[in-house]
Amino acid sequence: SSSEGLHPRHRVHLLFGANTDVGKSVISSGLVRAAALAKNNGCQSAVNYIKPLQCGGSDESFVLLNNDHQKGGRMNDTHCHTLFSWKTPASPHLVSRWENAPVSDTEVVSKLSLLLRDIEERENFNDNNNLETATITTIIETAGGVLSPSSSSPLNKTTTSDHWGWSTQADLYAPLRIPVVFVGDGRLGGISVTLSSLEALWSRSYRVDAVVFIEGENSSSTGGGDSDSIQFGKGNAEALREYISMQQQIECQRSNGSSVFESLLQDEGAIMCLPPLPPMPVPLDDWYQSNEGSFSCLHELLHRKGGRFEERTYW
């Protein structure tokens, strides 16, 4: 399966995270809110959130909850979908075995591809639309980290006599060739896992359009009580900028071709850091409202990059 044939005004992004608990659902919900706001301003026809694999809980419910307080009926044309779910909050490759509910890689990719096309059919996205304003936005949130396991199934090629086979999240979605919004780890120690995850995506030919950090808990440096707090998220974002700048220099010396880092280097806002989350429980409406400008800028950035993505004939 591939994403070829999707309408050029259907902007789709795949949301990966450096690990579990880095804020993928928070960022997904913020992007849905921003797209819904653009819809109200006449630039959007529909907004979609898709969670292909769900283990315990409901990220779909989280997105709906944090978009339900918006004025102007933003949720009227916002649609959420969970494709496959299990009751146990654990890794998909385990819960699919424990609950005897296998789901193969082919099933996931095929069902996701069909849903993307169904979305366009539902919106009657044809030449009668005003293509200058009518746009569909779809955010697809993966499970766990970049190399976290997908669901297992005896139909997967990696199945052995000992266990059902499974793929990593990055390998599972690679055939679709969808550009990525990546959520980095804004905590102490997050630089390494962020860079490792991005390297895994780049090595599989993903195009990463944006990286978002949520500031982790600040920790005071040792010493007196008046010492400055250490803001790891901002430091991690700056380390990433330095890293891709250095790697870009090395890559340019080796080849005259386009760089995998190009998408993140073209726009200053492609790497951003958001303030810490307030204590749960949800909803996080005040936090979202205070960061509405940042999410709006990110939505506009992804919208612009979505167009360039199609011109590169990935679809």
Protein backbone atom coordinates (compact mmCIF):
# COMPACT_ATOMS: atom_id res chain seq x y z
CA SER A 1 0.00 0.00 0.00
CA SER A 2 1.03 3.59 -0.51
CA SER A 3 -0.45 7.06 -0.23
CA GLU A 4 -0.33 7.67 -3.98
CA GLY A 5 -3.51 9.10 -5.32
CA LEU A 6 -4.51 11.19 -2.30
CA HIS A 7 -5.87 14.58 -3.21
CA PRO A 8 -3.11 17.25 -3.26
CA ARG A 9 -5.12 19.38 -0.81
CA HIS A 10 -5.38 16.55 1.72
CA ARG A 11 -2.53 17.28 4.13
CA VAL A 12 -1.53 14.20 6.15
CA HIS A 13 1.17 14.02 8.85
CA LEU A 14 2.34 11.07 10.89
CA LEU A 15 3.13 11.88 14.50
CA PHE A 16 6.01 9.95 16.08
CA GLY A 17 7.51 10.34 19.56
CA ALA A 18 10.94 9.73 21.05
CA ASN A 19 9.34 7.48 23.64
CA THR A 20 6.16 6.87 25.57
CA ASP A 21 4.99 9.73 27.79
CA VAL A 22 6.63 12.55 25.81
CA GLY A 23 3.32 14.18 24.84
CA LYS A 24 2.29 12.72 21.48
CA SER A 25 -1.42 12.90 22.28
CA VAL A 26 -1.01 16.43 23.67
CA ILE A 27 0.63 17.63 20.46
CA SER A 28 -1.86 15.72 18.30
CA SER A 29 -4.73 17.38 20.10
CA GLY A 30 -3.09 20.80 19.74
CA LEU A 31 -2.69 20.31 15.99
CA VAL A 32 -6.33 19.24 15.71
CA ARG A 33 -7.37 22.40 17.58
CA ALA A 34 -5.22 24.57 15.31
CA ALA A 35 -6.62 22.95 12.16
CA ALA A 36 -10.17 23.38 13.48
CA LEU A 37 -9.48 27.06 14.13
CA ALA A 38 -8.21 27.44 10.55
CA LYS A 39 -11.47 25.80 9.42
CA ASN A 40 -13.45 28.48 11.21
CA ASN A 41 -11.41 31.11 9.38
CA GLY A 42 -12.48 29.64 6.04
CA CYS A 43 -9.27 27.73 5.24
CA GLN A 44 -10.34 24.23 6.18
CA SER A 45 -13.07 21.81 5.23
CA ALA A 46 -12.41 18.95 7.63
CA VAL A 47 -10.03 17.79 10.38
CA ASN A 48 -9.23 14.16 11.18
CA TYR A 49 -7.38 12.37 13.96
CA ILE A 50 -6.41 8.72 13.53
CA LYS A 51 -4.97 6.34 16.13
CA PRO A 52 -4.13 3.09 14.29
CA LEU A 53 -3.07 1.06 17.36
CA GLN A 54 -4.52 1.68 20.84
CA CYS A 55 -3.60 -0.34 23.93
CA GLY A 56 -5.63 0.53 27.00
CA GLY A 57 -7.34 3.88 27.48
CA SER A 58 -8.37 6.05 24.54
CA ASP A 59 -6.23 8.76 22.95
CA GLU A 60 -9.20 9.47 20.70
CA SER A 61 -11.21 10.43 23.80
CA PHE A 62 -8.36 12.67 24.97
CA VAL A 63 -8.36 14.54 21.66
CA LEU A 64 -12.15 14.90 21.70
CA LEU A 65 -12.14 16.09 25.31
CA ASN A 66 -9.53 18.75 24.66
CA ASN A 67 -11.35 20.02 21.58
CA ASP A 68 -14.82 20.06 23.11
CA HIS A 69 -14.50 23.46 24.79
CA GLN A 70 -13.96 25.42 21.60
CA LYS A 71 -16.26 28.22 20.55
CA GLY A 72 -17.97 28.24 17.18
CA GLY A 73 -18.64 24.50 17.05
CA ARG A 74 -15.17 23.51 15.96
CA MET A 75 -15.87 19.83 16.52
CA ASN A 76 -18.66 19.63 13.94
CA ASP A 77 -16.22 18.68 11.17
CA THR A 78 -13.57 17.03 13.35
CA HIS A 79 -13.55 13.25 13.10
CA CYS A 80 -11.58 10.81 15.27
CA HIS A 81 -10.84 7.21 14.38
CA THR A 82 -9.26 4.30 16.27
CA LEU A 83 -8.50 1.44 13.90
CA PHE A 84 -7.44 -1.41 16.22
CA SER A 85 -7.63 -1.50 20.03
CA TRP A 86 -6.89 -3.84 22.93
CA LYS A 87 -7.92 -3.55 26.57
CA THR A 88 -4.50 -4.09 28.19
CA PRO A 89 -2.21 -1.04 28.60
CA ALA A 90 0.98 -2.63 27.29
CA SER A 91 2.99 -2.96 24.09
CA PRO A 92 0.89 -3.91 21.00
CA HIS A 93 3.07 -6.90 20.19
CA LEU A 94 2.29 -8.37 23.63
CA VAL A 95 -1.39 -7.48 24.06
CA SER A 96 -2.28 -8.84 20.63
CA ARG A 97 -0.92 -12.19 21.85
CA TRP A 98 -2.34 -12.04 25.36
CA GLU A 99 -5.83 -11.19 24.11
CA ASN A 100 -5.51 -13.55 21.13
CA ALA A 101 -6.35 -10.68 18.79
CA PRO A 102 -3.61 -10.60 16.16
CA VAL A 103 -3.37 -7.73 13.68
CA SER A 104 -0.87 -7.96 10.83
CA ASP A 105 1.19 -5.16 9.29
CA THR A 106 -0.77 -5.53 6.06
CA GLU A 107 -4.07 -5.11 7.90
CA VAL A 108 -2.89 -1.92 9.60
CA VAL A 109 -1.45 -0.28 6.49
CA SER A 110 -4.36 -1.34 4.27
CA LYS A 111 -7.03 -0.14 6.68
CA LEU A 112 -5.23 3.16 7.19
CA SER A 113 -4.84 3.69 3.43
CA LEU A 114 -8.51 2.94 2.85
CA LEU A 115 -9.55 5.34 5.60
CA LEU A 116 -7.50 8.17 4.08
CA ARG A 117 -9.34 7.67 0.80
CA ASP A 118 -12.70 7.31 2.55
CA ILE A 119 -12.08 10.67 4.22
CA GLU A 120 -11.79 12.30 0.82
CA GLU A 121 -14.93 10.57 -0.45
CA ARG A 122 -16.83 11.66 2.66
CA GLU A 123 -15.83 15.26 2.03
CA ASN A 124 -16.73 14.99 -1.67
CA PHE A 125 -13.33 16.43 -2.40
CA ASN A 126 -13.53 17.06 -6.14
CA ASP A 127 -13.01 19.75 -8.73
CA ASN A 128 -16.15 21.54 -7.61
CA ASN A 129 -14.43 22.55 -4.36
CA ASN A 130 -12.65 25.85 -4.10
CA LEU A 131 -9.11 24.48 -3.97
CA GLU A 132 -7.73 27.77 -2.69
CA THR A 133 -9.58 27.34 0.60
CA ALA A 134 -10.90 23.77 0.86
CA THR A 135 -8.35 21.60 2.66
CA ILE A 136 -8.46 18.37 4.64
CA THR A 137 -6.02 17.90 7.51
CA THR A 138 -5.34 14.44 8.97
CA ILE A 139 -3.10 13.74 11.96
CA ILE A 140 -2.07 10.10 12.52
CA GLU A 141 -0.63 9.30 15.97
CA THR A 142 1.64 6.28 16.33
CA ALA A 143 2.06 4.18 19.49
CA GLY A 144 5.05 4.38 21.83
CA GLY A 145 8.41 5.37 20.40
CA VAL A 146 9.83 5.24 16.89
CA LEU A 147 11.14 1.70 17.30
CA SER A 148 8.42 0.47 19.66
CA PRO A 149 6.76 -2.75 18.47
CA SER A 150 3.60 -2.81 16.39
CA SER A 151 0.96 -5.49 16.83
CA SER A 152 1.99 -9.09 16.26
CA SER A 153 0.33 -11.63 13.98
CA PRO A 154 1.05 -15.09 12.57
CA LEU A 155 0.55 -13.49 9.14
CA ASN A 156 3.57 -11.23 9.51
CA LYS A 157 6.66 -12.25 7.58
CA THR A 158 8.81 -12.24 10.73
CA THR A 159 6.74 -14.96 12.41
CA THR A 160 8.73 -17.94 13.67
CA SER A 161 7.85 -21.23 15.31
CA ASP A 162 8.32 -19.53 18.70
CA HIS A 163 6.32 -16.31 18.34
CA TRP A 164 4.13 -14.19 16.08
CA GLY A 165 6.12 -11.66 14.10
CA TRP A 166 5.96 -7.89 14.43
CA SER A 167 7.57 -4.75 13.01
CA THR A 168 8.73 -1.53 14.62
CA GLN A 169 6.43 1.47 14.35
CA ALA A 170 8.86 3.14 11.92
CA ASP A 171 8.98 0.07 9.67
CA LEU A 172 5.22 -0.42 9.81
CA TYR A 173 4.33 2.97 8.32
CA ALA A 174 7.34 3.41 6.00
CA PRO A 175 5.47 2.12 2.88
CA LEU A 176 2.98 5.00 3.18
CA ARG A 177 5.72 7.65 2.76
CA ILE A 178 3.91 10.17 4.96
CA PRO A 179 5.87 13.17 6.35
CA VAL A 180 6.46 13.30 10.09
CA VAL A 181 5.86 15.59 13.05
CA PHE A 182 8.21 14.35 15.74
CA VAL A 183 7.77 14.87 19.50
CA GLY A 184 11.17 14.96 21.17
CA ASP A 185 11.97 14.25 24.80
CA GLY A 186 12.22 17.51 26.73
CA ARG A 187 13.52 15.93 29.93
CA LEU A 188 17.00 15.36 31.32
CA GLY A 189 18.64 12.69 29.17
CA GLY A 190 16.27 13.42 26.30
CA ILE A 191 18.92 14.52 23.80
CA SER A 192 20.21 11.02 23.17
CA VAL A 193 16.82 9.33 22.74
CA THR A 194 15.64 12.22 20.53
CA LEU A 195 18.64 12.03 18.21
CA SER A 196 18.55 8.22 18.12
CA SER A 197 14.89 8.26 17.16
CA LEU A 198 15.38 10.86 14.45
CA GLU A 199 18.29 8.89 13.02
CA ALA A 200 16.01 5.84 12.86
CA LEU A 201 13.42 7.85 10.91
CA TRP A 202 15.93 9.43 8.53
CA SER A 203 17.54 6.06 7.83
CA ARG A 204 14.11 4.81 6.69
CA SER A 205 13.66 7.78 4.32
CA TYR A 206 11.06 9.61 6.39
CA ARG A 207 10.86 13.34 5.89
CA VAL A 208 10.65 15.07 9.27
CA ASP A 209 8.86 18.42 8.87
CA ALA A 210 8.87 19.57 12.50
CA VAL A 211 10.15 18.63 15.96
CA VAL A 212 8.26 19.69 19.09
CA PHE A 213 9.49 19.46 22.67
CA ILE A 214 7.34 19.88 25.78
CA GLU A 215 9.43 21.32 28.57
CA GLY A 216 10.11 18.75 31.28
CA GLU A 217 10.14 19.51 34.98
CA ASN A 218 12.83 22.05 35.75
CA SER A 219 15.53 21.02 38.21
CA SER A 220 17.61 23.44 40.23
CA SER A 221 21.34 23.10 39.94
CA THR A 222 23.22 22.05 43.06
CA GLY A 223 24.08 24.84 45.41
CA GLY A 224 22.04 27.54 47.05
CA GLY A 225 18.31 27.85 46.79
CA ASP A 226 18.62 30.93 44.55
CA SER A 227 20.31 29.02 41.73
CA ASP A 228 18.75 29.21 38.27
CA SER A 229 16.56 26.34 37.16
CA ILE A 230 17.70 24.20 34.27
CA GLN A 231 15.26 24.17 31.36
CA PHE A 232 16.05 20.86 29.72
CA GLY A 233 13.46 21.12 26.95
CA LYS A 234 14.89 24.35 25.55
CA GLY A 235 18.39 22.98 25.94
CA ASN A 236 17.42 19.79 24.12
CA ALA A 237 15.88 21.81 21.28
CA GLU A 238 19.03 23.91 20.97
CA ALA A 239 21.19 20.76 20.98
CA LEU A 240 19.10 19.39 18.11
CA ARG A 241 19.58 22.59 16.10
CA GLU A 242 23.33 22.38 16.63
CA TYR A 243 23.38 18.69 15.71
CA ILE A 244 21.51 19.04 12.42
CA SER A 245 23.63 22.06 11.51
CA MET A 246 26.81 20.06 12.04
CA GLN A 247 25.44 17.04 10.18
CA GLN A 248 24.31 19.26 7.32
CA GLN A 249 27.86 20.54 6.91
CA ILE A 250 29.22 17.00 6.83
CA GLU A 251 26.59 15.82 4.38
CA CYS A 252 27.11 18.76 2.04
CA GLN A 253 30.80 17.95 1.87
CA ARG A 254 30.00 14.38 0.81
CA SER A 255 27.27 15.03 -1.72
CA ASN A 256 25.58 17.79 -3.67
CA GLY A 257 22.17 16.14 -3.22
CA SER A 258 19.36 17.28 -0.95
CA SER A 259 19.85 16.66 2.75
CA VAL A 260 17.55 14.73 5.07
CA PHE A 261 17.96 17.70 7.40
CA GLU A 262 16.73 20.19 4.81
CA SER A 263 13.13 20.22 5.99
CA LEU A 264 14.13 21.18 9.54
CA LEU A 265 16.70 23.75 8.41
CA GLN A 266 14.46 25.67 6.02
CA ASP A 267 12.21 27.17 8.70
CA GLU A 268 13.27 28.48 12.08
CA GLY A 269 9.93 27.44 13.60
CA ALA A 270 10.38 23.81 12.58
CA ILE A 271 11.97 23.08 15.97
CA MET A 272 9.95 24.44 18.90
CA CYS A 273 9.68 23.99 22.64
CA LEU A 274 6.40 24.40 24.52
CA PRO A 275 6.10 25.19 28.26
CA PRO A 276 5.55 22.45 30.86
CA LEU A 277 2.14 20.85 31.18
CA PRO A 278 0.10 21.64 34.29
CA PRO A 279 -0.73 18.79 36.66
CA MET A 280 -3.31 16.41 35.28
CA PRO A 281 -6.20 15.57 35.08
CA VAL A 282 -7.35 16.83 31.72
CA PRO A 283 -8.72 18.92 30.10
CA LEU A 284 -5.78 21.21 29.43
CA ASP A 285 -7.85 24.02 27.96
CA ASP A 286 -5.97 26.85 29.67
CA TRP A 287 -2.62 25.41 28.55
CA TYR A 288 -3.85 25.04 24.98
CA GLN A 289 -5.26 28.56 24.92
CA SER A 290 -2.01 30.06 26.18
CA ASN A 291 -0.12 28.20 23.43
CA GLU A 292 -2.66 28.69 20.66
CA GLY A 293 -0.31 30.97 18.76
CA SER A 294 2.46 28.36 18.74
CA PHE A 295 0.14 25.61 17.50
CA SER A 296 -1.29 27.95 14.84
CA CYS A 297 2.22 28.71 13.56
CA LEU A 298 3.04 25.00 13.53
CA HIS A 299 -0.17 24.22 11.62
CA GLU A 300 0.63 26.88 9.01
CA LEU A 301 4.20 25.60 8.71
CA LEU A 302 3.02 22.03 8.13
CA HIS A 303 0.43 23.26 5.65
CA ARG A 304 3.15 24.98 3.60
CA LYS A 305 5.45 21.98 3.79
CA GLY A 306 2.60 19.68 2.85
CA GLY A 307 2.39 21.38 -0.53
CA ARG A 308 6.10 21.02 -1.18
CA PHE A 309 5.82 17.39 -0.12
CA GLU A 310 3.32 16.66 -2.88
CA GLU A 311 5.47 18.44 -5.46
CA ARG A 312 8.25 15.99 -4.60
CA THR A 313 5.91 13.22 -5.82
CA TYR A 314 5.88 11.19 -2.61
CA TRP A 315 2.12 10.70 -2.93
